[in-house]
Amino acid sequence: MRKTGKGYRLVDLLENTNRIMKDSFWVGVYPGLEDADINHMLESIHQVLQG
């Protein structure tokens, strides 16, 4: 399957990529995070998972 569009080209179905995009949770990080920032992220994630 090959589709083209504005700014991209799809060469195959990308089944593994689609699975990762649908079934994963992305936490963006960067080297400038301090312990307080990381703790805040962890607490926020924990709250969401607890309901």
Protein backbone atom coordinates (compact mmCIF):
# COMPACT_ATOMS: atom_id res chain seq x y z
CA MET A 1 0.00 0.00 0.00
CA ARG A 2 1.43 3.35 -0.95
CA LYS A 3 -0.19 6.68 -0.26
CA THR A 4 1.18 10.11 -0.73
CA GLY A 5 0.03 13.34 0.73
CA LYS A 6 1.18 16.79 1.60
CA GLY A 7 4.48 16.41 3.44
CA TYR A 8 4.49 12.63 3.88
CA ARG A 9 4.66 9.30 2.11
CA LEU A 10 3.24 6.07 3.51
CA VAL A 11 5.10 3.06 2.16
CA ASP A 12 3.38 0.30 4.13
CA LEU A 13 0.63 -0.23 6.70
CA LEU A 14 2.99 0.54 9.60
CA GLU A 15 1.16 -1.92 11.86
CA ASN A 16 3.81 -1.85 14.63
CA THR A 17 3.94 1.93 14.57
CA ASN A 18 0.17 2.15 14.81
CA ARG A 19 0.16 -0.27 17.75
CA ILE A 20 2.72 1.81 19.63
CA MET A 21 0.81 5.02 18.93
CA LYS A 22 -2.49 3.52 20.16
CA ASP A 23 -1.27 1.36 23.06
CA SER A 24 1.47 3.37 24.74
CA PHE A 25 1.83 6.36 27.01
CA TRP A 26 4.46 8.97 26.22
CA VAL A 27 6.17 10.98 28.93
CA GLY A 28 8.36 13.67 27.44
CA VAL A 29 11.49 14.50 29.39
CA TYR A 30 14.56 16.63 28.99
CA PRO A 31 17.87 16.89 30.90
CA GLY A 32 16.89 20.13 32.65
CA LEU A 33 14.23 18.48 34.82
CA GLU A 34 14.93 18.69 38.51
CA ASP A 35 13.81 16.27 41.21
CA ALA A 36 10.79 18.46 42.05
CA ASP A 37 9.68 18.38 38.39
CA ILE A 38 10.00 14.61 38.17
CA ASN A 39 8.16 14.14 41.46
CA HIS A 40 5.34 16.34 40.19
CA MET A 41 5.02 14.24 37.03
CA LEU A 42 5.02 11.01 39.05
CA GLU A 43 2.38 12.32 41.45
CA SER A 44 0.19 13.49 38.55
CA ILE A 45 0.44 10.14 36.78
CA HIS A 46 -0.30 8.32 40.02
CA GLN A 47 -3.43 10.45 40.60
CA VAL A 48 -4.72 9.74 37.10
CA LEU A 49 -4.16 6.00 37.47
CA GLN A 50 -5.88 5.93 40.86
CA GLY A 51 -8.97 7.58 39.41
